[in-house]
Amino acid sequence: MSQPTVLGPWYIVQRLMSEREAAEETNDNYPRVLYYTAMEDGPAMFQTNKKRAMLFMSLGSASRVAAAEVAEVRVLTTKEEGEEFGR
């Protein structure tokens, strides 16, 4: 897989952790960002682990998921941003 660029970006769906979810966490780093993962990664659709975040190659697909999950789309355009997500 090639690295993301301005002409070929990658997309990540993310959302902030709710207050209820933060209350269940033992870590005090609130607000935390949760990343959308594929269904086969486990029962939680959103996880804190960046390396398990699902990469979208299509803005349309990422937008549909973000709208359905009340989340936002983050656009990755550099090699460093790709490395942040373990790619």
PDB file of N, CA and C in Angstrom:
ATOM      1  N   MET A   1       0.840  -1.167   0.000  1.00  0.00           N
ATOM      2  CA  MET A   1       0.000   0.000   0.000  1.00  0.00           C
ATOM      3  C   MET A   1       0.892   1.239   0.000  1.00  0.00           C
ATOM      4  N   SER A   2       0.618   2.160  -0.897  1.00  0.00           N
ATOM      5  CA  SER A   2       1.400   3.388  -0.955  1.00  0.00           C
ATOM      6  C   SER A   2       1.011   4.324   0.188  1.00  0.00           C
ATOM      7  N   GLN A   3       1.842   5.288   0.442  1.00  0.00           N
ATOM      8  CA  GLN A   3       1.585   6.261   1.504  1.00  0.00           C
ATOM      9  C   GLN A   3       0.530   7.272   1.054  1.00  0.00           C
ATOM     10  N   PRO A   4      -0.174   7.899   1.997  1.00  0.00           N
ATOM     11  CA  PRO A   4      -1.171   8.899   1.615  1.00  0.00           C
ATOM     12  C   PRO A   4      -0.489  10.157   1.070  1.00  0.00           C
ATOM     13  N   THR A   5      -1.151  10.792   0.140  1.00  0.00           N
ATOM     14  CA  THR A   5      -0.676  12.056  -0.434  1.00  0.00           C
ATOM     15  C   THR A   5      -1.865  12.998  -0.564  1.00  0.00           C
ATOM     16  N   VAL A   6      -1.594  14.220  -0.947  1.00  0.00           N
ATOM     17  CA  VAL A   6      -2.667  15.183  -1.162  1.00  0.00           C
ATOM     18  C   VAL A   6      -3.587  14.709  -2.290  1.00  0.00           C
ATOM     19  N   LEU A   7      -3.010  14.087  -3.313  1.00  0.00           N
ATOM     20  CA  LEU A   7      -3.814  13.598  -4.433  1.00  0.00           C
ATOM     21  C   LEU A   7      -4.424  12.220  -4.183  1.00  0.00           C
ATOM     22  N   GLY A   8      -3.917  11.499  -3.205  1.00  0.00           N
ATOM     23  CA  GLY A   8      -4.433  10.175  -2.859  1.00  0.00           C
ATOM     24  C   GLY A   8      -4.522  10.023  -1.351  1.00  0.00           C
ATOM     25  N   PRO A   9      -5.416  10.779  -0.704  1.00  0.00           N
ATOM     26  CA  PRO A   9      -5.482  10.738   0.765  1.00  0.00           C
ATOM     27  C   PRO A   9      -6.145   9.468   1.290  1.00  0.00           C
ATOM     28  N   TRP A  10      -5.913   9.215   2.578  1.00  0.00           N
ATOM     29  CA  TRP A  10      -6.608   8.166   3.305  1.00  0.00           C
ATOM     30  C   TRP A  10      -7.572   8.866   4.246  1.00  0.00           C
ATOM     31  N   TYR A  11      -8.616   8.169   4.637  1.00  0.00           N
ATOM     32  CA  TYR A  11      -9.623   8.746   5.522  1.00  0.00           C
ATOM     33  C   TYR A  11      -9.827   7.843   6.726  1.00  0.00           C
ATOM     34  N   ILE A  12      -9.983   8.463   7.891  1.00  0.00           N
ATOM     35  CA  ILE A  12     -10.236   7.773   9.149  1.00  0.00           C
ATOM     36  C   ILE A  12     -11.526   8.352   9.722  1.00  0.00           C
ATOM     37  N   VAL A  13     -12.385   7.508  10.267  1.00  0.00           N
ATOM     38  CA  VAL A  13     -13.594   7.977  10.946  1.00  0.00           C
ATOM     39  C   VAL A  13     -13.307   7.956  12.443  1.00  0.00           C
ATOM     40  N   GLN A  14     -13.543   9.090  13.090  1.00  0.00           N
ATOM     41  CA  GLN A  14     -13.244   9.211  14.517  1.00  0.00           C
ATOM     42  C   GLN A  14     -14.324  10.018  15.215  1.00  0.00           C
ATOM     43  N   ARG A  15     -14.403   9.838  16.526  1.00  0.00           N
ATOM     44  CA  ARG A  15     -15.323  10.637  17.338  1.00  0.00           C
ATOM     45  C   ARG A  15     -14.737  10.784  18.735  1.00  0.00           C
ATOM     46  N   LEU A  16     -15.223  11.783  19.466  1.00  0.00           N
ATOM     47  CA  LEU A  16     -14.793  11.968  20.847  1.00  0.00           C
ATOM     48  C   LEU A  16     -15.536  10.989  21.740  1.00  0.00           C
ATOM     49  N   MET A  17     -14.862  10.550  22.775  1.00  0.00           N
ATOM     50  CA  MET A  17     -15.446   9.645  23.758  1.00  0.00           C
ATOM     51  C   MET A  17     -16.520  10.409  24.531  1.00  0.00           C
ATOM     52  N   SER A  18     -17.666   9.776  24.751  1.00  0.00           N
ATOM     53  CA  SER A  18     -18.736  10.415  25.516  1.00  0.00           C
ATOM     54  C   SER A  18     -18.364  10.452  26.996  1.00  0.00           C
ATOM     55  N   GLU A  19     -19.081  11.279  27.745  1.00  0.00           N
ATOM     56  CA  GLU A  19     -18.821  11.360  29.182  1.00  0.00           C
ATOM     57  C   GLU A  19     -19.085  10.021  29.866  1.00  0.00           C
ATOM     58  N   ARG A  20     -20.104   9.287  29.418  1.00  0.00           N
ATOM     59  CA  ARG A  20     -20.411   7.972  29.983  1.00  0.00           C
ATOM     60  C   ARG A  20     -19.261   7.005  29.733  1.00  0.00           C
ATOM     61  N   GLU A  21     -18.751   6.993  28.498  1.00  0.00           N
ATOM     62  CA  GLU A  21     -17.626   6.112  28.179  1.00  0.00           C
ATOM     63  C   GLU A  21     -16.386   6.507  28.967  1.00  0.00           C
ATOM     64  N   ALA A  22     -16.176   7.811  29.146  1.00  0.00           N
ATOM     65  CA  ALA A  22     -15.018   8.281  29.902  1.00  0.00           C
ATOM     66  C   ALA A  22     -15.125   7.882  31.364  1.00  0.00           C
ATOM     67  N   ALA A  23     -16.346   7.868  31.904  1.00  0.00           N
ATOM     68  CA  ALA A  23     -16.543   7.478  33.303  1.00  0.00           C
ATOM     69  C   ALA A  23     -16.197   6.007  33.514  1.00  0.00           C
ATOM     70  N   GLU A  24     -16.363   5.199  32.469  1.00  0.00           N
ATOM     71  CA  GLU A  24     -16.046   3.771  32.560  1.00  0.00           C
ATOM     72  C   GLU A  24     -14.548   3.514  32.433  1.00  0.00           C
ATOM     73  N   GLU A  25     -13.812   4.479  31.890  1.00  0.00           N
ATOM     74  CA  GLU A  25     -12.366   4.337  31.712  1.00  0.00           C
ATOM     75  C   GLU A  25     -11.649   4.675  33.012  1.00  0.00           C
ATOM     76  N   THR A  26     -10.521   4.037  33.241  1.00  0.00           N
ATOM     77  CA  THR A  26      -9.718   4.343  34.427  1.00  0.00           C
ATOM     78  C   THR A  26      -8.695   5.434  34.138  1.00  0.00           C
ATOM     79  N   ASN A  27      -8.443   5.703  32.863  1.00  0.00           N
ATOM     80  CA  ASN A  27      -7.472   6.717  32.474  1.00  0.00           C
ATOM     81  C   ASN A  27      -8.137   8.093  32.502  1.00  0.00           C
ATOM     82  N   ASP A  28      -7.439   9.088  32.986  1.00  0.00           N
ATOM     83  CA  ASP A  28      -8.002  10.440  33.109  1.00  0.00           C
ATOM     84  C   ASP A  28      -7.795  11.301  31.872  1.00  0.00           C
ATOM     85  N   ASN A  29      -7.358  10.734  30.779  1.00  0.00           N
ATOM     86  CA  ASN A  29      -7.121  11.507  29.560  1.00  0.00           C
ATOM     87  C   ASN A  29      -8.424  11.753  28.819  1.00  0.00           C
ATOM     88  N   TYR A  30      -9.253  12.631  29.332  1.00  0.00           N
ATOM     89  CA  TYR A  30     -10.521  12.968  28.694  1.00  0.00           C
ATOM     90  C   TYR A  30     -10.408  14.380  28.162  1.00  0.00           C
ATOM     91  N   PRO A  31     -10.828  14.745  26.994  1.00  0.00           N
ATOM     92  CA  PRO A  31     -11.508  13.880  26.043  1.00  0.00           C
ATOM     93  C   PRO A  31     -10.527  13.022  25.254  1.00  0.00           C
ATOM     94  N   ARG A  32     -10.972  11.822  24.953  1.00  0.00           N
ATOM     95  CA  ARG A  32     -10.179  10.897  24.146  1.00  0.00           C
ATOM     96  C   ARG A  32     -10.872  10.682  22.821  1.00  0.00           C
ATOM     97  N   VAL A  33     -10.073  10.363  21.822  1.00  0.00           N
ATOM     98  CA  VAL A  33     -10.602  10.111  20.492  1.00  0.00           C
ATOM     99  C   VAL A  33     -10.745   8.609  20.293  1.00  0.00           C
ATOM    100  N   LEU A  34     -11.874   8.213  19.734  1.00  0.00           N
ATOM    101  CA  LEU A  34     -12.130   6.821  19.402  1.00  0.00           C
ATOM    102  C   LEU A  34     -12.122   6.693  17.887  1.00  0.00           C
ATOM    103  N   TYR A  35     -11.593   5.575  17.386  1.00  0.00           N
ATOM    104  CA  TYR A  35     -11.440   5.365  15.947  1.00  0.00           C
ATOM    105  C   TYR A  35     -12.307   4.201  15.490  1.00  0.00           C
ATOM    106  N   TYR A  36     -12.975   4.368  14.361  1.00  0.00           N
ATOM    107  CA  TYR A  36     -13.843   3.347  13.801  1.00  0.00           C
ATOM    108  C   TYR A  36     -13.003   2.155  13.352  1.00  0.00           C
ATOM    109  N   THR A  37     -13.456   0.941  13.705  1.00  0.00           N
ATOM    110  CA  THR A  37     -12.761  -0.277  13.308  1.00  0.00           C
ATOM    111  C   THR A  37     -13.720  -1.194  12.557  1.00  0.00           C
ATOM    112  N   ALA A  38     -13.172  -2.154  11.856  1.00  0.00           N
ATOM    113  CA  ALA A  38     -13.985  -3.120  11.126  1.00  0.00           C
ATOM    114  C   ALA A  38     -14.685  -4.038  12.115  1.00  0.00           C
ATOM    115  N   MET A  39     -15.812  -4.587  11.731  1.00  0.00           N
ATOM    116  CA  MET A  39     -16.609  -5.448  12.615  1.00  0.00           C
ATOM    117  C   MET A  39     -15.844  -6.675  13.096  1.00  0.00           C
ATOM    118  N   GLU A  40     -14.991  -7.259  12.274  1.00  0.00           N
ATOM    119  CA  GLU A  40     -14.275  -8.472  12.678  1.00  0.00           C
ATOM    120  C   GLU A  40     -13.194  -8.202  13.726  1.00  0.00           C
ATOM    121  N   ASP A  41     -12.950  -6.919  14.049  1.00  0.00           N
ATOM    122  CA  ASP A  41     -11.965  -6.583  15.069  1.00  0.00           C
ATOM    123  C   ASP A  41     -12.511  -6.734  16.486  1.00  0.00           C
ATOM    124  N   GLY A  42     -13.767  -7.082  16.631  1.00  0.00           N
ATOM    125  CA  GLY A  42     -14.342  -7.255  17.955  1.00  0.00           C
ATOM    126  C   GLY A  42     -15.695  -6.578  18.065  1.00  0.00           C
ATOM    127  N   PRO A  43     -16.287  -6.625  19.254  1.00  0.00           N
ATOM    128  CA  PRO A  43     -17.630  -6.085  19.423  1.00  0.00           C
ATOM    129  C   PRO A  43     -17.693  -4.559  19.361  1.00  0.00           C
ATOM    130  N   ALA A  44     -16.644  -3.882  19.767  1.00  0.00           N
ATOM    131  CA  ALA A  44     -16.655  -2.419  19.770  1.00  0.00           C
ATOM    132  C   ALA A  44     -16.374  -1.879  18.369  1.00  0.00           C
ATOM    133  N   MET A  45     -17.252  -1.026  17.890  1.00  0.00           N
ATOM    134  CA  MET A  45     -17.044  -0.430  16.576  1.00  0.00           C
ATOM    135  C   MET A  45     -16.013   0.693  16.656  1.00  0.00           C
ATOM    136  N   PHE A  46     -15.893   1.318  17.819  1.00  0.00           N
ATOM    137  CA  PHE A  46     -14.921   2.384  18.019  1.00  0.00           C
ATOM    138  C   PHE A  46     -13.958   1.958  19.111  1.00  0.00           C
ATOM    139  N   GLN A  47     -12.671   2.145  18.860  1.00  0.00           N
ATOM    140  CA  GLN A  47     -11.641   1.781  19.821  1.00  0.00           C
ATOM    141  C   GLN A  47     -10.643   2.922  19.949  1.00  0.00           C
ATOM    142  N   THR A  48      -9.886   2.927  21.023  1.00  0.00           N
ATOM    143  CA  THR A  48      -8.874   3.960  21.230  1.00  0.00           C
ATOM    144  C   THR A  48      -7.571   3.653  20.507  1.00  0.00           C
ATOM    145  N   ASN A  49      -7.373   2.424  20.092  1.00  0.00           N
ATOM    146  CA  ASN A  49      -6.135   2.002  19.441  1.00  0.00           C
ATOM    147  C   ASN A  49      -6.093   2.497  17.995  1.00  0.00           C
ATOM    148  N   LYS A  50      -5.204   3.446  17.713  1.00  0.00           N
ATOM    149  CA  LYS A  50      -5.082   4.020  16.369  1.00  0.00           C
ATOM    150  C   LYS A  50      -4.687   2.984  15.325  1.00  0.00           C
ATOM    151  N   LYS A  51      -3.893   2.018  15.729  1.00  0.00           N
ATOM    152  CA  LYS A  51      -3.381   1.032  14.781  1.00  0.00           C
ATOM    153  C   LYS A  51      -4.469   0.079  14.274  1.00  0.00           C
ATOM    154  N   ARG A  52      -5.609   0.048  14.933  1.00  0.00           N
ATOM    155  CA  ARG A  52      -6.724  -0.806  14.494  1.00  0.00           C
ATOM    156  C   ARG A  52      -7.773  -0.008  13.726  1.00  0.00           C
ATOM    157  N   ALA A  53      -7.531   1.290  13.556  1.00  0.00           N
ATOM    158  CA  ALA A  53      -8.496   2.131  12.838  1.00  0.00           C
ATOM    159  C   ALA A  53      -8.625   1.670  11.391  1.00  0.00           C
ATOM    160  N   MET A  54      -9.846   1.687  10.902  1.00  0.00           N
ATOM    161  CA  MET A  54     -10.104   1.294   9.519  1.00  0.00           C
ATOM    162  C   MET A  54      -9.756   2.441   8.584  1.00  0.00           C
ATOM    163  N   LEU A  55      -8.975   2.139   7.562  1.00  0.00           N
ATOM    164  CA  LEU A  55      -8.624   3.140   6.547  1.00  0.00           C
ATOM    165  C   LEU A  55      -9.652   3.105   5.428  1.00  0.00           C
ATOM    166  N   PHE A  56     -10.119   4.273   5.058  1.00  0.00           N
ATOM    167  CA  PHE A  56     -11.019   4.389   3.921  1.00  0.00           C
ATOM    168  C   PHE A  56     -10.250   5.065   2.789  1.00  0.00           C
ATOM    169  N   MET A  57     -10.411   4.551   1.591  1.00  0.00           N
ATOM    170  CA  MET A  57      -9.779   5.163   0.425  1.00  0.00           C
ATOM    171  C   MET A  57     -10.747   6.108  -0.287  1.00  0.00           C
ATOM    172  N   SER A  58     -12.007   6.054   0.099  1.00  0.00           N
ATOM    173  CA  SER A  58     -13.055   6.851  -0.537  1.00  0.00           C
ATOM    174  C   SER A  58     -13.671   7.803   0.487  1.00  0.00           C
ATOM    175  N   LEU A  59     -13.714   9.082   0.144  1.00  0.00           N
ATOM    176  CA  LEU A  59     -14.347  10.063   1.022  1.00  0.00           C
ATOM    177  C   LEU A  59     -15.836   9.774   1.154  1.00  0.00           C
ATOM    178  N   GLY A  60     -16.458   9.302   0.093  1.00  0.00           N
ATOM    179  CA  GLY A  60     -17.877   8.976   0.144  1.00  0.00           C
ATOM    180  C   GLY A  60     -18.181   7.899   1.165  1.00  0.00           C
ATOM    181  N   SER A  61     -17.392   6.835   1.174  1.00  0.00           N
ATOM    182  CA  SER A  61     -17.594   5.742   2.131  1.00  0.00           C
ATOM    183  C   SER A  61     -17.364   6.219   3.561  1.00  0.00           C
ATOM    184  N   ALA A  62     -16.293   6.953   3.775  1.00  0.00           N
ATOM    185  CA  ALA A  62     -15.986   7.461   5.117  1.00  0.00           C
ATOM    186  C   ALA A  62     -17.082   8.411   5.588  1.00  0.00           C
ATOM    187  N   SER A  63     -17.599   9.230   4.699  1.00  0.00           N
ATOM    188  CA  SER A  63     -18.655  10.178   5.052  1.00  0.00           C
ATOM    189  C   SER A  63     -19.943   9.469   5.444  1.00  0.00           C
ATOM    190  N   ARG A  64     -20.295   8.408   4.727  1.00  0.00           N
ATOM    191  CA  ARG A  64     -21.508   7.657   5.057  1.00  0.00           C
ATOM    192  C   ARG A  64     -21.393   7.019   6.440  1.00  0.00           C
ATOM    193  N   VAL A  65     -20.247   6.439   6.743  1.00  0.00           N
ATOM    194  CA  VAL A  65     -20.046   5.833   8.064  1.00  0.00           C
ATOM    195  C   VAL A  65     -20.074   6.909   9.142  1.00  0.00           C
ATOM    196  N   ALA A  66     -19.398   8.027   8.906  1.00  0.00           N
ATOM    197  CA  ALA A  66     -19.360   9.109   9.890  1.00  0.00           C
ATOM    198  C   ALA A  66     -20.756   9.664  10.155  1.00  0.00           C
ATOM    199  N   ALA A  67     -21.556   9.815   9.114  1.00  0.00           N
ATOM    200  CA  ALA A  67     -22.917  10.322   9.289  1.00  0.00           C
ATOM    201  C   ALA A  67     -23.768   9.337  10.080  1.00  0.00           C
ATOM    202  N   ALA A  68     -23.610   8.057   9.814  1.00  0.00           N
ATOM    203  CA  ALA A  68     -24.390   7.033  10.513  1.00  0.00           C
ATOM    204  C   ALA A  68     -23.976   6.902  11.975  1.00  0.00           C
ATOM    205  N   GLU A  69     -22.721   7.166  12.272  1.00  0.00           N
ATOM    206  CA  GLU A  69     -22.186   6.979  13.626  1.00  0.00           C
ATOM    207  C   GLU A  69     -22.047   8.283  14.406  1.00  0.00           C
ATOM    208  N   VAL A  70     -22.493   9.393  13.851  1.00  0.00           N
ATOM    209  CA  VAL A  70     -22.341  10.721  14.445  1.00  0.00           C
ATOM    210  C   VAL A  70     -20.873  10.941  14.804  1.00  0.00           C
ATOM    211  N   ALA A  71     -20.055  10.863  13.788  1.00  0.00           N
ATOM    212  CA  ALA A  71     -18.613  10.994  13.950  1.00  0.00           C
ATOM    213  C   ALA A  71     -18.094  11.990  12.903  1.00  0.00           C
ATOM    214  N   GLU A  72     -16.787  12.080  12.789  1.00  0.00           N
ATOM    215  CA  GLU A  72     -16.169  12.981  11.816  1.00  0.00           C
ATOM    216  C   GLU A  72     -15.126  12.226  11.014  1.00  0.00           C
ATOM    217  N   VAL A  73     -14.769  12.798   9.878  1.00  0.00           N
ATOM    218  CA  VAL A  73     -13.771  12.191   8.998  1.00  0.00           C
ATOM    219  C   VAL A  73     -12.475  12.971   9.132  1.00  0.00           C
ATOM    220  N   ARG A  74     -11.394  12.260   9.357  1.00  0.00           N
ATOM    221  CA  ARG A  74     -10.058  12.862   9.380  1.00  0.00           C
ATOM    222  C   ARG A  74      -9.350  12.461   8.095  1.00  0.00           C
ATOM    223  N   VAL A  75      -8.709  13.422   7.444  1.00  0.00           N
ATOM    224  CA  VAL A  75      -8.023  13.182   6.178  1.00  0.00           C
ATOM    225  C   VAL A  75      -6.527  13.091   6.442  1.00  0.00           C
ATOM    226  N   LEU A  76      -5.910  11.983   5.997  1.00  0.00           N
ATOM    227  CA  LEU A  76      -4.469  11.780   6.138  1.00  0.00           C
ATOM    228  C   LEU A  76      -3.820  12.035   4.789  1.00  0.00           C
ATOM    229  N   THR A  77      -2.824  12.930   4.747  1.00  0.00           N
ATOM    230  CA  THR A  77      -2.204  13.291   3.472  1.00  0.00           C
ATOM    231  C   THR A  77      -0.683  13.175   3.461  1.00  0.00           C
ATOM    232  N   THR A  78      -0.078  12.746   4.559  1.00  0.00           N
ATOM    233  CA  THR A  78       1.381  12.640   4.602  1.00  0.00           C
ATOM    234  C   THR A  78       1.809  11.272   5.115  1.00  0.00           C
ATOM    235  N   LYS A  79       3.047  10.935   4.839  1.00  0.00           N
ATOM    236  CA  LYS A  79       3.622   9.675   5.313  1.00  0.00           C
ATOM    237  C   LYS A  79       3.603   9.618   6.838  1.00  0.00           C
ATOM    238  N   GLU A  80       3.900  10.741   7.492  1.00  0.00           N
ATOM    239  CA  GLU A  80       3.921  10.794   8.951  1.00  0.00           C
ATOM    240  C   GLU A  80       2.549  10.504   9.541  1.00  0.00           C
ATOM    241  N   GLU A  81       1.496  11.024   8.909  1.00  0.00           N
ATOM    242  CA  GLU A  81       0.142  10.737   9.391  1.00  0.00           C
ATOM    243  C   GLU A  81      -0.184   9.257   9.214  1.00  0.00           C
ATOM    244  N   GLY A  82       0.266   8.659   8.140  1.00  0.00           N
ATOM    245  CA  GLY A  82       0.069   7.228   7.936  1.00  0.00           C
ATOM    246  C   GLY A  82       0.786   6.410   8.986  1.00  0.00           C
ATOM    247  N   GLU A  83       2.005   6.819   9.335  1.00  0.00           N
ATOM    248  CA  GLU A  83       2.780   6.121  10.360  1.00  0.00           C
ATOM    249  C   GLU A  83       2.122   6.244  11.734  1.00  0.00           C
ATOM    250  N   GLU A  84       1.450   7.368  11.991  1.00  0.00           N
ATOM    251  CA  GLU A  84       0.728   7.562  13.244  1.00  0.00           C
ATOM    252  C   GLU A  84      -0.313   6.457  13.455  1.00  0.00           C
ATOM    253  N   PHE A  85      -0.862   5.944  12.353  1.00  0.00           N
ATOM    254  CA  PHE A  85      -1.862   4.899  12.408  1.00  0.00           C
ATOM    255  C   PHE A  85      -1.267   3.517  12.111  1.00  0.00           C
ATOM    256  N   GLY A  86       0.060   3.396  12.192  1.00  0.00           N
ATOM    257  CA  GLY A  86       0.729   2.104  12.047  1.00  0.00           C
ATOM    258  C   GLY A  86       0.770   1.572  10.647  1.00  0.00           C
ATOM    259  N   ARG A  87       0.688   2.432   9.671  1.00  0.00           N
ATOM    260  CA  ARG A  87       0.712   1.982   8.276  1.00  0.00           C
ATOM    261  C   ARG A  87       1.972   2.465   7.594  1.00  0.00           C
TER     262      ARG A  87
END
